[in-house]
Amino acid sequence: MSDTLSFGERVRKALIWRSGTQVLAQLISWGSTLAVIRILDPSDYGLFAMTQVVLVFLSFLNGYGLASSIVQSEELDPRRLKQAFGALLLLNGGLAAAQFLLAPLIADYYNQPIVGDLLRVQALIFLATPFIVLPEAVMARELEFKKTAIVNLFSAVIGAIVALSCALSGLGVWTLVYAALAIFWTQGIGLFLSARMFIWPSFDFRGSKDMFAFGGTILLAHVLWTVQSQSDIFIGSQSLTTYELGLYAEALFLTTIFAAKFVPPLNEVAFPAYSRMQDDPEAVRRAFLKAVRLIMMVACPFYLGMAVTAPELVHVVLGEKWLPMVPIVSVMALVMPLMTLQILFAPLNNAMGHPEISLHATLVGAVVMSLGFLIGAQFGVMGLAYAWVGGFPLVTIATVLLSRQHLRLPAMDLAQAIWPGLSAAVVMAGAVYLAKTVLPPLPVFASLSINVLLGACICAAVLYWLAKPTLIELFHLIFRRKRKEEPESNLQPALRGTEPR
């Protein structure tokens, strides 16, 4: 077996392990989340969302960029590994102390004393971070995702058990805090043992300039991404009630399910895969376009379907008390295919040695979305939703234009990759909307089932007509076993392995 074939098979297996177990872990997590949502009040989620702004903002300093430099480097230097471990311990210990000390001030800003208590306990998450980030980076570099997937699956089960137990015990918002702690510490212990990271940290950082330079660029991009993604809650908390904020936060959770839960695991495989292929830009470009085509064939129908079935979906999945969030979901779902597309570019740019492109793109996003949320907040919770519709297309266009400079990515090629999924989604959404207007009133579960079945059939038919080869390719990627007698060029296995990210 050639080295290229071996690499392609490793990527394919990594994708299956990372994405396959991610689906199972998410099903467990969502099952628990949906049960907990029915028990807790929207105000609990509003309080928790306030703490997440702080936690996510401080997380930009957790050293993820240092770990990324290990993945991107051609060789794994043991001394650099020890330096990265030492830096991660220092950074995250400092973040835990900072959050603990800043908690009272943040509680005063929100005018919610309980937020201070929540933040002090959540500071323990940072202490687990070094034991998650470094082992993940080392195993990702070798495309070893089996152990990572098993640990993540186990942590999802533990988190679900803790969440349900706390919710049934009447702990309210503390349910969300304890569940997060259980997940992080289970991951930290499990990944550290699985990767056999039995090394001493080094606090002698001489000779680590390249590592900190690469990590620093990604760190700045993370800062700006945090501003972009958390400014809505930070700004909205000053004019919205905790109830309204809870509705918005859970609408955001629901509408970003695919983009935030399924695409990042694929990106985790794409980054080391692209890094290993960076000497062949044409192969990377072709693989990226195929990845876009495959992922958008899922994302576009998923989100447009969500927009048109939002009333039934929210009623069935979350319960009647969450129905006020229906208009928010309907509006925000329309723009989420663009978010899915936009986040596909970061691992590509980073792997090709251009993290500054991601930095510039997130700078645009931070400015555009923050201004949008400042304006939208003046019109209540729906104003925040419409800020997504007005701002994120600009962010995506900026990301594409910036990336094209170095990746030689023709706009027409990208449009052709998006077209099958988008066109199928538009036809499907129109048919479902029409069916809803003509069909007589039905029980909500029956109505949702009919709409989903109708939409799936129409979408599948359109995709079969427009992109039959891609559908077959996706099926082969997941299910086919390589036969020895099957001829294949040296380039094809690597491309097949890196397409879905």
Protein backbone atom coordinates (compact mmCIF):
# COMPACT_ATOMS: atom_id res chain seq x y z
CA MET A 1 0.00 0.00 0.00
CA SER A 2 1.38 3.38 -0.95
CA ASP A 3 1.96 6.15 1.56
CA THR A 4 -0.74 8.24 -0.12
CA LEU A 5 -3.25 5.43 0.03
CA SER A 6 -2.39 4.79 3.65
CA PHE A 7 -2.89 8.48 4.41
CA GLY A 8 -6.22 8.57 2.57
CA GLU A 9 -7.49 5.54 4.48
CA ARG A 10 -6.37 7.06 7.77
CA VAL A 11 -8.26 10.27 6.99
CA ARG A 12 -11.36 8.31 6.01
CA LYS A 13 -11.27 6.29 9.23
CA ALA A 14 -10.62 9.44 11.25
CA LEU A 15 -13.69 11.06 9.69
CA ILE A 16 -15.83 8.02 10.42
CA TRP A 17 -14.70 7.84 14.04
CA ARG A 18 -14.88 11.60 14.68
CA SER A 19 -18.16 12.33 12.88
CA GLY A 20 -19.84 9.00 13.57
CA THR A 21 -19.33 9.06 17.31
CA GLN A 22 -20.10 12.77 17.30
CA VAL A 23 -23.57 11.95 16.00
CA LEU A 24 -24.10 9.39 18.75
CA ALA A 25 -22.68 11.71 21.42
CA GLN A 26 -24.90 14.53 20.22
CA LEU A 27 -27.97 12.31 20.25
CA ILE A 28 -27.22 11.46 23.88
CA SER A 29 -26.51 15.10 24.71
CA TRP A 30 -29.60 16.38 22.90
CA GLY A 31 -31.82 13.76 24.50
CA SER A 32 -30.64 14.95 27.90
CA THR A 33 -30.79 18.63 26.88
CA LEU A 34 -34.34 18.41 25.60
CA ALA A 35 -35.46 16.64 28.76
CA VAL A 36 -33.74 19.28 30.91
CA ILE A 37 -35.20 22.15 28.85
CA ARG A 38 -38.68 20.86 29.63
CA ILE A 39 -37.86 20.96 33.35
CA LEU A 40 -35.96 24.26 33.66
CA ASP A 41 -37.31 27.75 32.95
CA PRO A 42 -36.17 30.12 30.19
CA SER A 43 -34.80 32.41 32.93
CA ASP A 44 -32.35 29.67 33.97
CA TYR A 45 -30.95 29.63 30.45
CA GLY A 46 -30.80 33.42 30.44
CA LEU A 47 -28.61 33.39 33.56
CA PHE A 48 -26.43 30.63 32.16
CA ALA A 49 -26.01 32.54 28.89
CA MET A 50 -24.69 35.52 30.87
CA THR A 51 -21.95 33.36 32.39
CA GLN A 52 -21.08 31.87 29.01
CA VAL A 53 -20.19 35.29 27.62
CA VAL A 54 -17.46 35.58 30.25
CA LEU A 55 -16.33 31.96 30.03
CA VAL A 56 -16.06 31.99 26.25
CA PHE A 57 -14.34 35.37 26.20
CA LEU A 58 -11.66 34.24 28.67
CA SER A 59 -11.26 30.96 26.81
CA PHE A 60 -9.52 32.76 23.97
CA LEU A 61 -6.40 32.69 26.19
CA ASN A 62 -6.59 28.97 26.95
CA GLY A 63 -3.70 28.14 24.60
CA TYR A 64 -5.60 26.36 21.84
CA GLY A 65 -3.42 28.13 19.28
CA LEU A 66 -0.29 26.63 20.85
CA ALA A 67 -1.76 23.16 20.44
CA SER A 68 -2.69 24.00 16.83
CA SER A 69 0.96 24.81 16.10
CA ILE A 70 1.83 21.25 17.13
CA VAL A 71 -0.70 19.87 14.65
CA GLN A 72 0.50 22.14 11.84
CA SER A 73 4.23 21.47 12.34
CA GLU A 74 5.93 18.90 10.12
CA GLU A 75 7.67 17.13 13.03
CA LEU A 76 6.70 16.60 16.66
CA ASP A 77 9.45 17.98 18.88
CA PRO A 78 9.37 16.52 22.45
CA ARG A 79 10.83 19.74 23.87
CA ARG A 80 8.15 21.82 22.17
CA LEU A 81 5.52 19.45 23.54
CA LYS A 82 6.76 20.02 27.10
CA GLN A 83 6.85 23.78 26.53
CA ALA A 84 3.30 23.73 25.23
CA PHE A 85 2.19 21.76 28.31
CA GLY A 86 3.86 24.27 30.62
CA ALA A 87 2.30 27.23 28.79
CA LEU A 88 -1.15 25.62 28.93
CA LEU A 89 -0.88 25.06 32.69
CA LEU A 90 0.19 28.66 33.31
CA LEU A 91 -2.41 30.21 31.02
CA ASN A 92 -5.38 28.22 32.29
CA GLY A 93 -4.39 28.50 35.94
CA GLY A 94 -4.29 32.27 35.47
CA LEU A 95 -7.66 32.26 33.70
CA ALA A 96 -9.28 30.29 36.53
CA ALA A 97 -7.94 32.78 39.08
CA ALA A 98 -9.01 35.77 36.96
CA GLN A 99 -12.57 34.50 36.54
CA PHE A 100 -12.84 33.76 40.26
CA LEU A 101 -11.70 37.27 41.19
CA LEU A 102 -13.74 39.06 38.52
CA ALA A 103 -16.98 37.21 39.32
CA PRO A 104 -18.42 39.90 41.71
CA LEU A 105 -17.79 42.69 39.19
CA ILE A 106 -19.47 40.75 36.41
CA ALA A 107 -22.44 39.98 38.65
CA ASP A 108 -22.79 43.74 39.31
CA TYR A 109 -22.73 44.47 35.56
CA TYR A 110 -25.60 42.06 34.97
CA ASN A 111 -27.30 43.04 38.24
CA GLN A 112 -27.67 39.32 38.98
CA PRO A 113 -25.82 38.26 42.20
CA ILE A 114 -26.14 34.55 41.39
CA VAL A 115 -24.02 35.06 38.26
CA GLY A 116 -20.99 35.63 40.52
CA ASP A 117 -21.52 32.30 42.27
CA LEU A 118 -21.96 30.49 38.97
CA LEU A 119 -18.75 31.97 37.56
CA ARG A 120 -16.67 31.05 40.60
CA VAL A 121 -17.62 27.39 40.26
CA GLN A 122 -17.20 27.40 36.48
CA ALA A 123 -13.59 28.54 36.92
CA LEU A 124 -12.80 24.85 37.52
CA ILE A 125 -13.33 24.26 33.80
CA PHE A 126 -10.08 26.07 32.98
CA LEU A 127 -8.11 23.73 35.24
CA ALA A 128 -9.23 20.78 33.10
CA THR A 129 -8.41 22.47 29.78
CA PRO A 130 -4.65 21.63 29.50
CA PHE A 131 -5.46 17.95 29.92
CA ILE A 132 -7.94 18.17 27.02
CA VAL A 133 -6.24 20.47 24.50
CA LEU A 134 -2.75 18.93 24.40
CA PRO A 135 -3.74 15.24 24.12
CA GLU A 136 -6.31 16.14 21.44
CA ALA A 137 -3.65 17.98 19.45
CA VAL A 138 -1.12 15.13 19.67
CA MET A 139 -3.65 12.50 18.60
CA ALA A 140 -5.13 14.74 15.90
CA ARG A 141 -1.67 15.21 14.39
CA GLU A 142 -1.47 11.48 13.82
CA LEU A 143 -5.13 11.34 12.71
CA GLU A 144 -5.80 9.13 15.74
CA PHE A 145 -9.43 10.00 16.48
CA LYS A 146 -10.67 6.64 17.73
CA LYS A 147 -9.55 7.18 21.33
CA THR A 148 -10.73 10.79 21.29
CA ALA A 149 -14.12 9.73 19.98
CA ILE A 150 -14.57 7.08 22.67
CA VAL A 151 -13.65 9.52 25.45
CA ASN A 152 -16.01 12.19 24.07
CA LEU A 153 -18.80 9.65 23.85
CA PHE A 154 -18.22 8.55 27.44
CA SER A 155 -18.14 12.17 28.65
CA ALA A 156 -21.45 12.83 26.87
CA VAL A 157 -23.03 9.95 28.77
CA ILE A 158 -21.66 11.24 32.10
CA GLY A 159 -22.84 14.77 31.31
CA ALA A 160 -26.31 13.53 30.43
CA ILE A 161 -26.60 11.56 33.67
CA VAL A 162 -25.44 14.53 35.76
CA ALA A 163 -27.77 16.95 33.94
CA LEU A 164 -30.87 14.80 34.35
CA SER A 165 -30.08 14.02 38.00
CA CYS A 166 -29.57 17.69 38.89
CA ALA A 167 -32.65 18.86 36.97
CA LEU A 168 -34.88 16.28 38.64
CA SER A 169 -33.41 17.31 41.99
CA GLY A 170 -34.61 20.89 41.43
CA LEU A 171 -31.17 22.53 41.16
CA GLY A 172 -32.30 24.94 38.43
CA VAL A 173 -29.51 26.81 36.65
CA TRP A 174 -26.87 24.90 38.63
CA THR A 175 -27.86 21.87 36.56
CA LEU A 176 -26.18 23.43 33.53
CA VAL A 177 -23.02 24.29 35.48
CA TYR A 178 -22.52 20.86 37.05
CA ALA A 179 -23.19 19.07 33.76
CA ALA A 180 -20.53 21.18 32.00
CA LEU A 181 -18.01 20.48 34.76
CA ALA A 182 -18.70 16.74 34.55
CA ILE A 183 -18.13 16.75 30.77
CA PHE A 184 -14.90 18.77 30.88
CA TRP A 185 -13.26 16.81 33.69
CA THR A 186 -14.29 13.46 32.22
CA GLN A 187 -12.74 14.52 28.92
CA GLY A 188 -9.58 15.80 30.62
CA ILE A 189 -8.91 12.63 32.58
CA GLY A 190 -9.91 10.32 29.73
CA LEU A 191 -7.88 12.05 27.00
CA PHE A 192 -4.79 12.46 29.16
CA LEU A 193 -4.76 8.75 29.98
CA SER A 194 -5.63 7.69 26.43
CA ALA A 195 -2.80 9.72 24.89
CA ARG A 196 -0.38 8.54 27.62
CA MET A 197 0.70 12.13 28.17
CA PHE A 198 2.98 11.26 31.05
CA ILE A 199 5.41 14.14 30.56
CA TRP A 200 6.70 16.90 32.78
CA PRO A 201 5.84 20.45 31.71
CA SER A 202 8.66 22.81 30.80
CA PHE A 203 8.58 26.45 31.79
CA ASP A 204 11.73 27.25 29.85
CA PHE A 205 10.32 28.82 26.71
CA ARG A 206 13.59 29.58 24.92
CA GLY A 207 13.46 28.58 21.25
CA SER A 208 9.67 28.52 21.11
CA LYS A 209 9.21 31.76 19.17
CA ASP A 210 7.62 30.07 16.13
CA MET A 211 5.15 28.18 18.29
CA PHE A 212 4.02 31.32 20.10
CA ALA A 213 3.88 33.34 16.86
CA PHE A 214 1.58 30.82 15.18
CA GLY A 215 -0.44 30.36 18.37
CA GLY A 216 -0.63 34.12 18.89
CA THR A 217 -2.19 34.69 15.47
CA ILE A 218 -4.81 32.03 16.12
CA LEU A 219 -5.33 33.51 19.60
CA LEU A 220 -6.14 36.92 18.13
CA ALA A 221 -8.53 35.30 15.66
CA HIS A 222 -10.18 33.52 18.59
CA VAL A 223 -10.53 36.81 20.47
CA LEU A 224 -12.30 38.40 17.54
CA TRP A 225 -14.47 35.32 16.99
CA THR A 226 -15.48 35.54 20.66
CA VAL A 227 -16.46 39.18 20.22
CA GLN A 228 -18.44 38.24 17.12
CA SER A 229 -20.23 35.27 18.71
CA GLN A 230 -20.84 36.58 22.23
CA SER A 231 -21.56 40.27 21.71
CA ASP A 232 -25.26 39.54 21.16
CA ILE A 233 -25.76 38.24 24.72
CA PHE A 234 -23.43 40.86 26.20
CA ILE A 235 -25.27 43.71 24.47
CA GLY A 236 -28.76 42.24 24.73
CA SER A 237 -28.49 41.61 28.48
CA GLN A 238 -28.79 45.36 29.09
CA SER A 239 -32.18 45.71 27.40
CA LEU A 240 -33.77 42.24 27.53
CA THR A 241 -35.20 40.38 30.49
CA THR A 242 -33.65 37.05 31.52
CA TYR A 243 -36.75 35.38 30.05
CA GLU A 244 -36.26 37.02 26.64
CA LEU A 245 -32.54 36.34 26.79
CA GLY A 246 -33.26 32.69 27.54
CA LEU A 247 -35.57 32.43 24.53
CA TYR A 248 -32.92 33.98 22.30
CA ALA A 249 -30.10 31.82 23.68
CA GLU A 250 -32.01 28.58 23.10
CA ALA A 251 -33.13 29.73 19.65
CA LEU A 252 -29.46 30.30 18.87
CA PHE A 253 -28.64 26.84 20.21
CA LEU A 254 -31.32 25.24 18.05
CA THR A 255 -30.41 27.09 14.87
CA THR A 256 -26.67 26.51 15.18
CA ILE A 257 -26.97 22.78 15.88
CA PHE A 258 -25.49 21.66 12.56
CA ALA A 259 -22.94 24.45 12.14
CA ALA A 260 -21.72 24.37 15.74
CA LYS A 261 -22.00 20.68 16.59
CA PHE A 262 -21.33 18.68 13.42
CA VAL A 263 -19.03 20.84 11.30
CA PRO A 264 -16.32 21.55 13.95
CA PRO A 265 -15.57 17.82 14.46
CA LEU A 266 -15.13 17.48 10.70
CA ASN A 267 -12.87 20.54 10.75
CA GLU A 268 -10.78 18.87 13.45
CA VAL A 269 -9.97 16.12 10.96
CA ALA A 270 -9.62 18.55 8.04
CA PHE A 271 -6.96 20.69 9.74
CA PRO A 272 -4.32 17.95 10.19
CA ALA A 273 -5.29 16.41 6.83
CA TYR A 274 -4.85 19.71 4.97
CA SER A 275 -1.61 20.33 6.90
CA ARG A 276 -0.18 17.07 5.60
CA MET A 277 -1.26 17.96 2.03
CA GLN A 278 -0.11 21.59 2.08
CA ASP A 279 2.63 20.94 -0.49
CA ASP A 280 -0.05 20.18 -3.09
CA PRO A 281 -2.33 23.28 -3.15
CA GLU A 282 -4.34 22.02 -6.11
CA ALA A 283 -5.24 18.81 -4.28
CA VAL A 284 -6.27 20.81 -1.21
CA ARG A 285 -8.40 23.17 -3.30
CA ARG A 286 -10.22 20.31 -4.99
CA ALA A 287 -10.77 18.55 -1.69
CA PHE A 288 -12.13 21.75 -0.14
CA LEU A 289 -14.63 22.31 -2.96
CA LYS A 290 -15.88 18.75 -2.65
CA ALA A 291 -16.19 19.23 1.11
CA VAL A 292 -18.27 22.37 0.54
CA ARG A 293 -20.52 20.53 -1.91
CA LEU A 294 -21.12 17.61 0.47
CA ILE A 295 -21.68 19.69 3.59
CA MET A 296 -23.93 22.27 1.95
CA MET A 297 -26.08 19.44 0.57
CA VAL A 298 -26.95 18.76 4.20
CA ALA A 299 -26.81 22.24 5.74
CA CYS A 300 -29.06 24.09 3.28
CA PRO A 301 -32.01 21.64 3.41
CA PHE A 302 -31.61 21.27 7.17
CA TYR A 303 -31.80 24.99 7.89
CA LEU A 304 -34.42 26.01 5.34
CA GLY A 305 -36.51 23.08 6.52
CA MET A 306 -36.12 24.32 10.09
CA ALA A 307 -37.23 27.81 9.08
CA VAL A 308 -40.44 26.62 7.44
CA THR A 309 -41.39 24.07 10.14
CA ALA A 310 -40.33 26.15 13.18
CA PRO A 311 -43.81 26.27 14.85
CA GLU A 312 -44.25 22.51 14.81
CA LEU A 313 -40.59 21.79 15.54
CA VAL A 314 -40.39 23.97 18.65
CA HIS A 315 -43.73 22.68 19.96
CA VAL A 316 -42.79 19.03 19.58
CA VAL A 317 -39.12 19.21 20.56
CA LEU A 318 -39.08 21.82 23.33
CA GLY A 319 -42.66 22.05 24.52
CA GLU A 320 -45.44 24.59 24.55
CA LYS A 321 -43.78 27.02 26.97
CA TRP A 322 -41.03 27.67 24.38
CA LEU A 323 -43.42 28.67 21.55
CA PRO A 324 -42.56 32.40 21.87
CA MET A 325 -39.15 31.57 20.36
CA VAL A 326 -40.69 30.41 17.04
CA PRO A 327 -40.26 33.75 15.19
CA ILE A 328 -36.63 33.92 16.33
CA VAL A 329 -35.91 30.43 15.00
CA SER A 330 -37.66 31.10 11.69
CA VAL A 331 -35.55 34.21 11.03
CA MET A 332 -32.17 32.98 12.25
CA ALA A 333 -32.36 29.61 10.49
CA LEU A 334 -32.35 31.39 7.12
CA VAL A 335 -28.80 32.68 7.56
CA MET A 336 -27.20 29.63 9.16
CA PRO A 337 -26.14 27.97 5.86
CA LEU A 338 -23.84 30.96 5.41
CA MET A 339 -22.39 30.43 8.88
CA THR A 340 -21.77 26.79 7.98
CA LEU A 341 -19.91 27.83 4.84
CA GLN A 342 -17.91 30.52 6.59
CA ILE A 343 -16.48 28.29 9.31
CA LEU A 344 -15.21 25.79 6.73
CA PHE A 345 -12.49 28.25 5.69
CA ALA A 346 -10.59 28.52 9.00
CA PRO A 347 -8.91 25.06 9.02
CA LEU A 348 -8.07 25.44 5.34
CA ASN A 349 -6.37 28.81 5.78
CA ASN A 350 -4.55 27.73 8.95
CA ALA A 351 -3.32 24.47 7.45
CA MET A 352 -1.96 26.28 4.38
CA GLY A 353 0.12 28.52 6.66
CA HIS A 354 -2.10 31.61 6.43
CA PRO A 355 -3.72 32.04 9.87
CA GLU A 356 -3.72 35.79 9.24
CA ILE A 357 -6.59 35.27 6.78
CA SER A 358 -8.74 33.82 9.56
CA LEU A 359 -7.65 36.72 11.74
CA HIS A 360 -8.75 39.31 9.18
CA ALA A 361 -12.04 37.50 8.53
CA THR A 362 -12.91 37.36 12.23
CA LEU A 363 -12.00 41.05 12.56
CA VAL A 364 -14.61 41.83 9.93
CA GLY A 365 -17.08 39.57 11.74
CA ALA A 366 -16.43 41.16 15.12
CA VAL A 367 -17.02 44.67 13.79
CA VAL A 368 -20.01 43.90 11.56
CA MET A 369 -21.89 41.67 14.00
CA SER A 370 -21.25 43.87 17.04
CA LEU A 371 -22.60 46.91 15.21
CA GLY A 372 -25.56 44.85 14.04
CA PHE A 373 -26.36 43.71 17.58
CA LEU A 374 -26.02 47.25 18.93
CA ILE A 375 -28.62 48.41 16.41
CA GLY A 376 -30.81 45.33 16.67
CA ALA A 377 -30.98 45.38 20.47
CA GLN A 378 -32.92 48.64 20.23
CA PHE A 379 -35.80 46.65 18.69
CA GLY A 380 -35.92 43.83 21.24
CA VAL A 381 -35.18 40.17 20.84
CA MET A 382 -36.30 40.07 17.19
CA GLY A 383 -33.87 42.88 16.48
CA LEU A 384 -31.02 40.58 17.54
CA ALA A 385 -32.35 37.88 15.22
CA TYR A 386 -32.54 40.24 12.24
CA ALA A 387 -28.99 41.43 12.98
CA TRP A 388 -27.84 37.95 11.96
CA VAL A 389 -29.70 38.21 8.67
CA GLY A 390 -28.27 41.63 7.92
CA GLY A 391 -24.71 41.05 9.09
CA PHE A 392 -23.61 37.49 8.45
CA PRO A 393 -23.88 37.57 4.65
CA LEU A 394 -21.32 40.40 4.74
CA VAL A 395 -19.06 38.35 7.03
CA THR A 396 -19.21 35.33 4.71
CA ILE A 397 -18.51 37.40 1.59
CA ALA A 398 -15.49 38.98 3.32
CA THR A 399 -14.16 35.54 4.33
CA VAL A 400 -14.46 34.22 0.78
CA LEU A 401 -12.77 37.28 -0.76
CA LEU A 402 -9.89 37.19 1.74
CA SER A 403 -9.34 33.45 1.27
CA ARG A 404 -9.30 33.63 -2.52
CA GLN A 405 -6.08 35.69 -2.46
CA HIS A 406 -3.91 32.75 -1.42
CA LEU A 407 -6.05 29.71 -2.23
CA ARG A 408 -6.75 30.55 -5.87
CA LEU A 409 -10.40 29.70 -5.39
CA PRO A 410 -12.53 30.84 -8.36
CA ALA A 411 -15.90 32.27 -7.33
CA MET A 412 -17.67 30.20 -10.00
CA ASP A 413 -16.19 26.96 -8.65
CA LEU A 414 -17.40 27.81 -5.14
CA ALA A 415 -20.87 28.73 -6.45
CA GLN A 416 -21.09 25.43 -8.32
CA ALA A 417 -20.20 23.58 -5.13
CA ILE A 418 -22.98 25.35 -3.20
CA TRP A 419 -25.63 25.18 -5.92
CA PRO A 420 -26.96 21.59 -5.56
CA GLY A 421 -27.68 21.88 -1.84
CA LEU A 422 -29.09 25.40 -2.05
CA SER A 423 -31.39 24.72 -5.00
CA ALA A 424 -32.73 21.51 -3.44
CA ALA A 425 -33.36 23.37 -0.18
CA VAL A 426 -35.27 26.21 -1.86
CA VAL A 427 -37.52 23.80 -3.78
CA MET A 428 -38.10 21.73 -0.66
CA ALA A 429 -38.93 24.74 1.55
CA GLY A 430 -41.35 26.10 -1.05
CA ALA A 431 -43.14 22.77 -1.37
CA VAL A 432 -43.45 22.31 2.40
CA TYR A 433 -44.74 25.87 2.86
CA LEU A 434 -47.33 25.29 0.14
CA ALA A 435 -48.38 21.99 1.70
CA LYS A 436 -48.86 23.68 5.07
CA THR A 437 -51.24 26.21 3.53
CA VAL A 438 -53.36 23.59 1.72
CA LEU A 439 -53.53 20.74 4.21
CA PRO A 440 -56.28 20.82 6.85
CA PRO A 441 -55.28 21.45 10.48
CA LEU A 442 -53.62 18.38 12.01
CA PRO A 443 -52.21 17.48 15.43
CA VAL A 444 -48.82 19.13 15.78
CA PHE A 445 -46.80 15.89 15.78
CA ALA A 446 -48.61 14.57 12.70
CA SER A 447 -48.13 17.89 10.92
CA LEU A 448 -44.38 17.91 11.67
CA SER A 449 -43.99 14.29 10.56
CA ILE A 450 -45.77 14.89 7.25
CA ASN A 451 -43.76 18.06 6.55
CA VAL A 452 -40.45 16.37 7.33
CA LEU A 453 -41.27 13.33 5.20
CA LEU A 454 -42.47 15.47 2.31
CA GLY A 455 -39.42 17.72 2.52
CA ALA A 456 -37.00 14.80 2.68
CA CYS A 457 -38.52 13.13 -0.39
CA ILE A 458 -38.52 16.32 -2.46
CA CYS A 459 -34.99 17.23 -1.39
CA ALA A 460 -33.68 13.74 -2.18
CA ALA A 461 -35.33 13.81 -5.61
CA VAL A 462 -33.84 17.21 -6.50
CA LEU A 463 -30.38 16.22 -5.28
CA TYR A 464 -30.55 12.95 -7.21
CA TRP A 465 -31.35 14.95 -10.32
CA LEU A 466 -28.73 17.68 -9.79
CA ALA A 467 -25.91 15.88 -7.99
CA LYS A 468 -26.24 12.13 -8.38
CA PRO A 469 -22.44 11.54 -8.57
CA THR A 470 -21.89 13.44 -5.32
CA LEU A 471 -24.57 11.41 -3.53
CA ILE A 472 -22.95 8.20 -4.71
CA GLU A 473 -19.55 9.53 -3.68
CA LEU A 474 -20.82 10.30 -0.20
CA PHE A 475 -22.29 6.81 0.10
CA HIS A 476 -19.00 5.22 -1.01
CA LEU A 477 -16.98 7.42 1.31
CA ILE A 478 -18.89 6.17 4.34
CA PHE A 479 -19.68 2.58 3.46
CA ARG A 480 -17.36 1.29 0.76
CA ARG A 481 -14.39 -0.91 1.56
CA LYS A 482 -11.41 -0.56 -0.74
CA ARG A 483 -10.97 -3.60 -3.00
CA LYS A 484 -7.45 -4.66 -3.90
CA GLU A 485 -8.20 -5.08 -7.56
CA GLU A 486 -9.74 -1.61 -7.90
CA PRO A 487 -7.38 0.73 -9.82
CA GLU A 488 -6.94 4.21 -8.48
CA SER A 489 -4.56 7.10 -8.96
CA ASN A 490 -2.25 8.23 -6.18
CA LEU A 491 -4.16 11.46 -5.69
CA GLN A 492 -7.70 10.09 -5.44
CA PRO A 493 -7.46 8.38 -2.03
CA ALA A 494 -6.24 11.52 -0.34
CA LEU A 495 -8.97 13.58 -1.96
CA ARG A 496 -11.63 11.08 -1.03
CA GLY A 497 -10.40 11.04 2.52
CA THR A 498 -10.39 14.79 3.00
CA GLU A 499 -13.61 15.81 1.30
CA PRO A 500 -16.19 15.85 4.10
CA ARG A 501 -14.89 17.94 6.94
